[in-house]
PDB file of all heavy atoms in Angstrom:
ATOM      1  N   GLN A   1      93.476 -71.581 -50.859  1.00  0.00           N
ATOM      2  CA  GLN A   1      94.825 -71.740 -51.379  1.00  0.00           C
ATOM      3  C   GLN A   1      95.554 -70.394 -51.322  1.00  0.00           C
ATOM      4  O   GLN A   1      95.055 -69.390 -51.806  1.00  0.00           O
ATOM      5  CB  GLN A   1      94.776 -72.235 -52.826  1.00  0.00           C
ATOM      6  CG  GLN A   1      96.136 -72.473 -53.434  1.00  0.00           C
ATOM      7  CD  GLN A   1      96.050 -72.996 -54.849  1.00  0.00           C
ATOM      8  OE1 GLN A   1      94.961 -73.237 -55.354  1.00  0.00           O
ATOM      9  NE2 GLN A   1      97.179 -73.166 -55.495  1.00  0.00           N
ATOM     10  N   LEU A   2      96.737 -70.413 -50.727  1.00  0.00           N
ATOM     11  CA  LEU A   2      97.519 -69.189 -50.587  1.00  0.00           C
ATOM     12  C   LEU A   2      98.032 -68.737 -51.943  1.00  0.00           C
ATOM     13  O   LEU A   2      98.597 -69.525 -52.691  1.00  0.00           O
ATOM     14  CB  LEU A   2      98.692 -69.469 -49.657  1.00  0.00           C
ATOM     15  CG  LEU A   2      99.522 -68.295 -49.138  1.00  0.00           C
ATOM     16  CD1 LEU A   2     100.189 -68.677 -47.840  1.00  0.00           C
ATOM     17  CD2 LEU A   2     100.563 -67.869 -50.155  1.00  0.00           C
ATOM     18  N   GLN A   3      97.785 -67.461 -52.282  1.00  0.00           N
ATOM     19  CA  GLN A   3      98.250 -66.925 -53.557  1.00  0.00           C
ATOM     20  C   GLN A   3      98.762 -65.505 -53.391  1.00  0.00           C
ATOM     21  O   GLN A   3      98.200 -64.720 -52.622  1.00  0.00           O
ATOM     22  CB  GLN A   3      97.120 -66.911 -54.596  1.00  0.00           C
ATOM     23  CG  GLN A   3      96.851 -68.248 -55.251  1.00  0.00           C
ATOM     24  CD  GLN A   3      95.976 -68.125 -56.481  1.00  0.00           C
ATOM     25  OE1 GLN A   3      94.975 -67.433 -56.462  1.00  0.00           O
ATOM     26  NE2 GLN A   3      96.362 -68.804 -57.561  1.00  0.00           N
ATOM     27  N   LEU A   4      99.829 -65.193 -54.118  1.00  0.00           N
ATOM     28  CA  LEU A   4     100.342 -63.839 -54.228  1.00  0.00           C
ATOM     29  C   LEU A   4     100.484 -63.554 -55.714  1.00  0.00           C
ATOM     30  O   LEU A   4     101.157 -64.316 -56.424  1.00  0.00           O
ATOM     31  CB  LEU A   4     101.711 -63.692 -53.557  1.00  0.00           C
ATOM     32  CG  LEU A   4     101.803 -63.764 -52.024  1.00  0.00           C
ATOM     33  CD1 LEU A   4     101.696 -65.208 -51.531  1.00  0.00           C
ATOM     34  CD2 LEU A   4     103.100 -63.160 -51.537  1.00  0.00           C
ATOM     35  N   VAL A   5      99.869 -62.488 -56.179  1.00  0.00           N
ATOM     36  CA  VAL A   5      99.878 -62.170 -57.596  1.00  0.00           C
ATOM     37  C   VAL A   5     100.369 -60.740 -57.780  1.00  0.00           C
ATOM     38  O   VAL A   5      99.707 -59.781 -57.359  1.00  0.00           O
ATOM     39  CB  VAL A   5      98.489 -62.345 -58.220  1.00  0.00           C
ATOM     40  CG1 VAL A   5      98.551 -61.994 -59.698  1.00  0.00           C
ATOM     41  CG2 VAL A   5      97.986 -63.775 -58.022  1.00  0.00           C
ATOM     42  N   GLU A   6     101.517 -60.603 -58.441  1.00  0.00           N
ATOM     43  CA  GLU A   6     102.073 -59.287 -58.713  1.00  0.00           C
ATOM     44  C   GLU A   6     101.524 -58.733 -60.030  1.00  0.00           C
ATOM     45  O   GLU A   6     101.222 -59.489 -60.955  1.00  0.00           O
ATOM     46  CB  GLU A   6     103.608 -59.341 -58.803  1.00  0.00           C
ATOM     47  CG  GLU A   6     104.318 -59.841 -57.565  1.00  0.00           C
ATOM     48  CD  GLU A   6     104.594 -61.332 -57.607  1.00  0.00           C
ATOM     49  OE1 GLU A   6     103.885 -62.046 -58.332  1.00  0.00           O
ATOM     50  OE2 GLU A   6     105.526 -61.790 -56.928  1.00  0.00           O
ATOM     51  N   SER A   7     101.464 -57.429 -60.096  1.00  0.00           N
ATOM     52  CA  SER A   7     101.063 -56.756 -61.325  1.00  0.00           C
ATOM     53  C   SER A   7     101.662 -55.344 -61.323  1.00  0.00           C
ATOM     54  O   SER A   7     102.189 -54.890 -60.309  1.00  0.00           O
ATOM     55  CB  SER A   7      99.542 -56.674 -61.440  1.00  0.00           C
ATOM     56  OG  SER A   7      98.999 -55.939 -60.350  1.00  0.00           O
ATOM     57  N   GLY A   8     101.581 -54.683 -62.471  1.00  0.00           N
ATOM     58  CA  GLY A   8     102.032 -53.311 -62.573  1.00  0.00           C
ATOM     59  C   GLY A   8     103.366 -53.101 -63.241  1.00  0.00           C
ATOM     60  O   GLY A   8     103.784 -51.969 -63.462  1.00  0.00           O
ATOM     61  N   GLY A   9     104.052 -54.196 -63.572  1.00  0.00           N
ATOM     62  CA  GLY A   9     105.323 -54.054 -64.258  1.00  0.00           C
ATOM     63  C   GLY A   9     105.130 -53.585 -65.690  1.00  0.00           C
ATOM     64  O   GLY A   9     104.015 -53.504 -66.199  1.00  0.00           O
ATOM     65  N   GLY A  10     106.240 -53.257 -66.328  1.00  0.00           N
ATOM     66  CA  GLY A  10     106.181 -52.826 -67.715  1.00  0.00           C
ATOM     67  C   GLY A  10     107.457 -52.143 -68.138  1.00  0.00           C
ATOM     68  O   GLY A  10     108.475 -52.210 -67.444  1.00  0.00           O
ATOM     69  N   LEU A  11     107.378 -51.477 -69.276  1.00  0.00           N
ATOM     70  CA  LEU A  11     108.520 -50.754 -69.834  1.00  0.00           C
ATOM     71  C   LEU A  11     108.412 -49.281 -69.437  1.00  0.00           C
ATOM     72  O   LEU A  11     107.368 -48.654 -69.647  1.00  0.00           O
ATOM     73  CB  LEU A  11     108.531 -50.892 -71.354  1.00  0.00           C
ATOM     74  CG  LEU A  11     109.555 -50.040 -72.125  1.00  0.00           C
ATOM     75  CD1 LEU A  11     110.972 -50.451 -71.748  1.00  0.00           C
ATOM     76  CD2 LEU A  11     109.326 -50.185 -73.620  1.00  0.00           C
ATOM     77  N   VAL A  12     109.497 -48.750 -68.910  1.00  0.00           N
ATOM     78  CA  VAL A  12     109.509 -47.344 -68.492  1.00  0.00           C
ATOM     79  C   VAL A  12     110.857 -46.743 -68.857  1.00  0.00           C
ATOM     80  O   VAL A  12     111.869 -47.443 -68.883  1.00  0.00           O
ATOM     81  CB  VAL A  12     109.226 -47.223 -66.980  1.00  0.00           C
ATOM     82  CG1 VAL A  12     110.292 -47.923 -66.159  1.00  0.00           C
ATOM     83  CG2 VAL A  12     109.053 -45.784 -66.553  1.00  0.00           C
ATOM     84  N   GLN A  13     110.867 -45.469 -69.153  1.00  0.00           N
ATOM     85  CA  GLN A  13     112.107 -44.786 -69.493  1.00  0.00           C
ATOM     86  C   GLN A  13     112.906 -44.484 -68.214  1.00  0.00           C
ATOM     87  O   GLN A  13     112.320 -44.349 -67.131  1.00  0.00           O
ATOM     88  CB  GLN A  13     111.814 -43.488 -70.232  1.00  0.00           C
ATOM     89  CG  GLN A  13     111.229 -43.688 -71.611  1.00  0.00           C
ATOM     90  CD  GLN A  13     111.070 -42.381 -72.376  1.00  0.00           C
ATOM     91  OE1 GLN A  13     111.081 -41.298 -71.779  1.00  0.00           O
ATOM     92  NE2 GLN A  13     110.933 -42.480 -73.684  1.00  0.00           N
ATOM     93  N   PRO A  14     114.216 -44.354 -68.344  1.00  0.00           N
ATOM     94  CA  PRO A  14     115.005 -43.935 -67.170  1.00  0.00           C
ATOM     95  C   PRO A  14     114.457 -42.654 -66.568  1.00  0.00           C
ATOM     96  O   PRO A  14     114.082 -41.727 -67.295  1.00  0.00           O
ATOM     97  CB  PRO A  14     116.402 -43.739 -67.753  1.00  0.00           C
ATOM     98  CG  PRO A  14     116.445 -44.667 -68.925  1.00  0.00           C
ATOM     99  CD  PRO A  14     115.048 -44.638 -69.511  1.00  0.00           C
ATOM    100  N   GLY A  15     114.381 -42.630 -65.251  1.00  0.00           N
ATOM    101  CA  GLY A  15     113.802 -41.496 -64.559  1.00  0.00           C
ATOM    102  C   GLY A  15     112.307 -41.614 -64.319  1.00  0.00           C
ATOM    103  O   GLY A  15     111.727 -40.808 -63.581  1.00  0.00           O
ATOM    104  N   GLY A  16     111.694 -42.616 -64.927  1.00  0.00           N
ATOM    105  CA  GLY A  16     110.258 -42.797 -64.804  1.00  0.00           C
ATOM    106  C   GLY A  16     109.842 -43.508 -63.533  1.00  0.00           C
ATOM    107  O   GLY A  16     110.681 -43.852 -62.683  1.00  0.00           O
ATOM    108  N   SER A  17     108.536 -43.751 -63.432  1.00  0.00           N
ATOM    109  CA  SER A  17     107.960 -44.362 -62.232  1.00  0.00           C
ATOM    110  C   SER A  17     106.992 -45.482 -62.604  1.00  0.00           C
ATOM    111  O   SER A  17     106.421 -45.480 -63.700  1.00  0.00           O
ATOM    112  CB  SER A  17     107.203 -43.307 -61.420  1.00  0.00           C
ATOM    113  OG  SER A  17     108.056 -42.260 -61.004  1.00  0.00           O
ATOM    114  N   LEU A  18     106.831 -46.400 -61.673  1.00  0.00           N
ATOM    115  CA  LEU A  18     105.849 -47.472 -61.774  1.00  0.00           C
ATOM    116  C   LEU A  18     105.342 -47.778 -60.381  1.00  0.00           C
ATOM    117  O   LEU A  18     106.073 -47.583 -59.393  1.00  0.00           O
ATOM    118  CB  LEU A  18     106.465 -48.749 -62.351  1.00  0.00           C
ATOM    119  CG  LEU A  18     106.731 -48.862 -63.837  1.00  0.00           C
ATOM    120  CD1 LEU A  18     107.477 -50.167 -64.115  1.00  0.00           C
ATOM    121  CD2 LEU A  18     105.449 -48.807 -64.643  1.00  0.00           C
ATOM    122  N   ARG A  19     104.123 -48.271 -60.284  1.00  0.00           N
ATOM    123  CA  ARG A  19     103.635 -48.794 -59.011  1.00  0.00           C
ATOM    124  C   ARG A  19     103.284 -50.269 -59.195  1.00  0.00           C
ATOM    125  O   ARG A  19     102.412 -50.599 -60.003  1.00  0.00           O
ATOM    126  CB  ARG A  19     102.424 -48.039 -58.479  1.00  0.00           C
ATOM    127  CG  ARG A  19     102.079 -48.476 -57.044  1.00  0.00           C
ATOM    128  CD  ARG A  19     100.955 -47.692 -56.430  1.00  0.00           C
ATOM    129  NE  ARG A  19      99.645 -48.135 -56.862  1.00  0.00           N
ATOM    130  CZ  ARG A  19      98.531 -47.970 -56.159  1.00  0.00           C
ATOM    131  NH1 ARG A  19      98.575 -47.343 -54.980  1.00  0.00           N
ATOM    132  NH2 ARG A  19      97.378 -48.394 -56.614  1.00  0.00           N
ATOM    133  N   LEU A  20     103.970 -51.097 -58.439  1.00  0.00           N
ATOM    134  CA  LEU A  20     103.699 -52.521 -58.449  1.00  0.00           C
ATOM    135  C   LEU A  20     102.694 -52.862 -57.353  1.00  0.00           C
ATOM    136  O   LEU A  20     102.698 -52.248 -56.284  1.00  0.00           O
ATOM    137  CB  LEU A  20     104.988 -53.309 -58.223  1.00  0.00           C
ATOM    138  CG  LEU A  20     106.161 -52.974 -59.131  1.00  0.00           C
ATOM    139  CD1 LEU A  20     107.341 -53.903 -58.836  1.00  0.00           C
ATOM    140  CD2 LEU A  20     105.782 -53.032 -60.593  1.00  0.00           C
ATOM    141  N   SER A  21     101.861 -53.838 -57.644  1.00  0.00           N
ATOM    142  CA  SER A  21     100.886 -54.317 -56.662  1.00  0.00           C
ATOM    143  C   SER A  21     101.075 -55.806 -56.441  1.00  0.00           C
ATOM    144  O   SER A  21     101.445 -56.534 -57.367  1.00  0.00           O
ATOM    145  CB  SER A  21      99.459 -54.051 -57.142  1.00  0.00           C
ATOM    146  OG  SER A  21      99.213 -52.677 -57.316  1.00  0.00           O
ATOM    147  N   CYS A  22     100.811 -56.250 -55.235  1.00  0.00           N
ATOM    148  CA  CYS A  22     100.829 -57.670 -54.880  1.00  0.00           C
ATOM    149  C   CYS A  22      99.503 -57.962 -54.195  1.00  0.00           C
ATOM    150  O   CYS A  22      99.290 -57.552 -53.050  1.00  0.00           O
ATOM    151  CB  CYS A  22     102.002 -57.985 -53.980  1.00  0.00           C
ATOM    152  SG  CYS A  22     102.005 -59.666 -53.301  1.00  0.00           S
ATOM    153  N   THR A  23      98.634 -58.649 -54.898  1.00  0.00           N
ATOM    154  CA  THR A  23      97.325 -58.990 -54.345  1.00  0.00           C
ATOM    155  C   THR A  23      97.396 -60.389 -53.767  1.00  0.00           C
ATOM    156  O   THR A  23      97.863 -61.318 -54.425  1.00  0.00           O
ATOM    157  CB  THR A  23      96.255 -58.918 -55.432  1.00  0.00           C
ATOM    158  OG1 THR A  23      96.260 -57.606 -55.999  1.00  0.00           O
ATOM    159  CG2 THR A  23      94.881 -59.215 -54.857  1.00  0.00           C
ATOM    160  N   THR A  24      96.933 -60.508 -52.533  1.00  0.00           N
ATOM    161  CA  THR A  24      97.058 -61.787 -51.831  1.00  0.00           C
ATOM    162  C   THR A  24      95.697 -62.404 -51.560  1.00  0.00           C
ATOM    163  O   THR A  24      94.679 -61.704 -51.492  1.00  0.00           O
ATOM    164  CB  THR A  24      97.802 -61.601 -50.506  1.00  0.00           C
ATOM    165  OG1 THR A  24      96.983 -60.864 -49.591  1.00  0.00           O
ATOM    166  CG2 THR A  24      99.122 -60.850 -50.716  1.00  0.00           C
ATOM    167  N   SER A  25      95.686 -63.710 -51.387  1.00  0.00           N
ATOM    168  CA  SER A  25      94.475 -64.430 -51.017  1.00  0.00           C
ATOM    169  C   SER A  25      94.867 -65.730 -50.337  1.00  0.00           C
ATOM    170  O   SER A  25      96.000 -66.197 -50.464  1.00  0.00           O
ATOM    171  CB  SER A  25      93.609 -64.701 -52.251  1.00  0.00           C
ATOM    172  OG  SER A  25      94.310 -65.487 -53.190  1.00  0.00           O
ATOM    173  N   GLY A  26      93.916 -66.291 -49.593  1.00  0.00           N
ATOM    174  CA  GLY A  26      94.147 -67.579 -48.956  1.00  0.00           C
ATOM    175  C   GLY A  26      94.809 -67.511 -47.591  1.00  0.00           C
ATOM    176  O   GLY A  26      95.070 -68.556 -46.995  1.00  0.00           O
ATOM    177  N   PHE A  27      95.119 -66.316 -47.111  1.00  0.00           N
ATOM    178  CA  PHE A  27      95.662 -66.173 -45.769  1.00  0.00           C
ATOM    179  C   PHE A  27      95.343 -64.774 -45.254  1.00  0.00           C
ATOM    180  O   PHE A  27      94.949 -63.888 -46.002  1.00  0.00           O
ATOM    181  CB  PHE A  27      97.175 -66.440 -45.729  1.00  0.00           C
ATOM    182  CG  PHE A  27      98.015 -65.395 -46.424  1.00  0.00           C
ATOM    183  CD1 PHE A  27      98.772 -64.493 -45.700  1.00  0.00           C
ATOM    184  CD2 PHE A  27      98.082 -65.338 -47.817  1.00  0.00           C
ATOM    185  CE1 PHE A  27      99.565 -63.545 -46.329  1.00  0.00           C
ATOM    186  CE2 PHE A  27      98.865 -64.401 -48.460  1.00  0.00           C
ATOM    187  CZ  PHE A  27      99.607 -63.500 -47.713  1.00  0.00           C
ATOM    188  N   SER A  28      95.527 -64.589 -43.969  1.00  0.00           N
ATOM    189  CA  SER A  28      95.211 -63.314 -43.341  1.00  0.00           C
ATOM    190  C   SER A  28      96.417 -62.392 -43.420  1.00  0.00           C
ATOM    191  O   SER A  28      97.341 -62.471 -42.610  1.00  0.00           O
ATOM    192  CB  SER A  28      94.816 -63.539 -41.884  1.00  0.00           C
ATOM    193  OG  SER A  28      93.650 -64.335 -41.790  1.00  0.00           O
ATOM    194  N   LEU A  29      96.392 -61.516 -44.421  1.00  0.00           N
ATOM    195  CA  LEU A  29      97.537 -60.662 -44.702  1.00  0.00           C
ATOM    196  C   LEU A  29      97.973 -59.847 -43.484  1.00  0.00           C
ATOM    197  O   LEU A  29      99.163 -59.635 -43.261  1.00  0.00           O
ATOM    198  CB  LEU A  29      97.213 -59.726 -45.867  1.00  0.00           C
ATOM    199  CG  LEU A  29      98.307 -58.737 -46.258  1.00  0.00           C
ATOM    200  CD1 LEU A  29      99.540 -59.471 -46.772  1.00  0.00           C
ATOM    201  CD2 LEU A  29      97.783 -57.765 -47.313  1.00  0.00           C
ATOM    202  N   HIS A  30      97.020 -59.398 -42.667  1.00  0.00           N
ATOM    203  CA  HIS A  30      97.335 -58.466 -41.599  1.00  0.00           C
ATOM    204  C   HIS A  30      98.186 -59.093 -40.499  1.00  0.00           C
ATOM    205  O   HIS A  30      98.665 -58.382 -39.610  1.00  0.00           O
ATOM    206  CB  HIS A  30      96.055 -57.883 -40.999  1.00  0.00           C
ATOM    207  CG  HIS A  30      95.152 -58.885 -40.349  1.00  0.00           C
ATOM    208  ND1 HIS A  30      94.253 -59.652 -41.049  1.00  0.00           N
ATOM    209  CD2 HIS A  30      95.038 -59.261 -39.048  1.00  0.00           C
ATOM    210  CE1 HIS A  30      93.603 -60.440 -40.209  1.00  0.00           C
ATOM    211  NE2 HIS A  30      94.060 -60.229 -38.999  1.00  0.00           N
ATOM    212  N   TYR A  31      98.384 -60.406 -40.528  1.00  0.00           N
ATOM    213  CA  TYR A  31      99.235 -61.046 -39.530  1.00  0.00           C
ATOM    214  C   TYR A  31     100.717 -61.031 -39.906  1.00  0.00           C
ATOM    215  O   TYR A  31     101.573 -61.269 -39.053  1.00  0.00           O
ATOM    216  CB  TYR A  31      98.829 -62.497 -39.326  1.00  0.00           C
ATOM    217  CG  TYR A  31      97.566 -62.698 -38.529  1.00  0.00           C
ATOM    218  CD1 TYR A  31      96.537 -63.511 -39.016  1.00  0.00           C
ATOM    219  CD2 TYR A  31      97.396 -62.107 -37.282  1.00  0.00           C
ATOM    220  CE1 TYR A  31      95.373 -63.703 -38.289  1.00  0.00           C
ATOM    221  CE2 TYR A  31      96.237 -62.289 -36.555  1.00  0.00           C
ATOM    222  CZ  TYR A  31      95.229 -63.090 -37.064  1.00  0.00           C
ATOM    223  OH  TYR A  31      94.077 -63.278 -36.333  1.00  0.00           O
ATOM    224  N   TYR A  32     101.036 -60.767 -41.162  1.00  0.00           N
ATOM    225  CA  TYR A  32     102.372 -61.040 -41.648  1.00  0.00           C
ATOM    226  C   TYR A  32     103.076 -59.840 -42.256  1.00  0.00           C
ATOM    227  O   TYR A  32     102.459 -59.021 -42.960  1.00  0.00           O
ATOM    228  CB  TYR A  32     102.326 -62.152 -42.681  1.00  0.00           C
ATOM    229  CG  TYR A  32     101.751 -63.428 -42.134  1.00  0.00           C
ATOM    230  CD1 TYR A  32     100.446 -63.811 -42.420  1.00  0.00           C
ATOM    231  CD2 TYR A  32     102.506 -64.244 -41.290  1.00  0.00           C
ATOM    232  CE1 TYR A  32      99.908 -64.971 -41.883  1.00  0.00           C
ATOM    233  CE2 TYR A  32     101.975 -65.402 -40.757  1.00  0.00           C
ATOM    234  CZ  TYR A  32     100.681 -65.756 -41.053  1.00  0.00           C
ATOM    235  OH  TYR A  32     100.149 -66.892 -40.526  1.00  0.00           O
ATOM    236  N   ALA A  33     104.381 -59.758 -41.995  1.00  0.00           N
ATOM    237  CA  ALA A  33     105.206 -58.829 -42.746  1.00  0.00           C
ATOM    238  C   ALA A  33     105.280 -59.309 -44.195  1.00  0.00           C
ATOM    239  O   ALA A  33     105.108 -60.493 -44.487  1.00  0.00           O
ATOM    240  CB  ALA A  33     106.601 -58.770 -42.140  1.00  0.00           C
ATOM    241  N   MET A  34     105.535 -58.354 -45.086  1.00  0.00           N
ATOM    242  CA  MET A  34     105.625 -58.655 -46.505  1.00  0.00           C
ATOM    243  C   MET A  34     106.865 -57.974 -47.079  1.00  0.00           C
ATOM    244  O   MET A  34     107.317 -56.942 -46.565  1.00  0.00           O
ATOM    245  CB  MET A  34     104.388 -58.158 -47.248  1.00  0.00           C
ATOM    246  CG  MET A  34     103.088 -58.836 -46.845  1.00  0.00           C
ATOM    247  SD  MET A  34     103.004 -60.558 -47.407  1.00  0.00           S
ATOM    248  CE  MET A  34     102.893 -60.318 -49.189  1.00  0.00           C
ATOM    249  N   ALA A  35     107.363 -58.533 -48.158  1.00  0.00           N
ATOM    250  CA  ALA A  35     108.571 -57.974 -48.753  1.00  0.00           C
ATOM    251  C   ALA A  35     108.502 -58.017 -50.270  1.00  0.00           C
ATOM    252  O   ALA A  35     107.707 -58.755 -50.856  1.00  0.00           O
ATOM    253  CB  ALA A  35     109.800 -58.740 -48.277  1.00  0.00           C
ATOM    254  N   TRP A  36     109.344 -57.193 -50.859  1.00  0.00           N
ATOM    255  CA  TRP A  36     109.578 -57.230 -52.296  1.00  0.00           C
ATOM    256  C   TRP A  36     111.042 -57.604 -52.528  1.00  0.00           C
ATOM    257  O   TRP A  36     111.939 -57.101 -51.854  1.00  0.00           O
ATOM    258  CB  TRP A  36     109.289 -55.881 -52.931  1.00  0.00           C
ATOM    259  CG  TRP A  36     107.843 -55.548 -53.058  1.00  0.00           C
ATOM    260  CD1 TRP A  36     107.078 -54.862 -52.167  1.00  0.00           C
ATOM    261  CD2 TRP A  36     106.984 -55.880 -54.159  1.00  0.00           C
ATOM    262  NE1 TRP A  36     105.785 -54.755 -52.627  1.00  0.00           N
ATOM    263  CE2 TRP A  36     105.700 -55.359 -53.866  1.00  0.00           C
ATOM    264  CE3 TRP A  36     107.159 -56.553 -55.371  1.00  0.00           C
ATOM    265  CZ2 TRP A  36     104.612 -55.498 -54.714  1.00  0.00           C
ATOM    266  CZ3 TRP A  36     106.079 -56.687 -56.222  1.00  0.00           C
ATOM    267  CH2 TRP A  36     104.822 -56.163 -55.894  1.00  0.00           C
TER     268      TRP A  36
END
């Protein structure tokens, strides 16, 4: 089953940083472009 699961969001102050992740399963990621 094709799944995309985002994580890494949260509360941050202006000027701060975050790294979001998108973990995929159920398909061959290397064949496809991806977007946010």
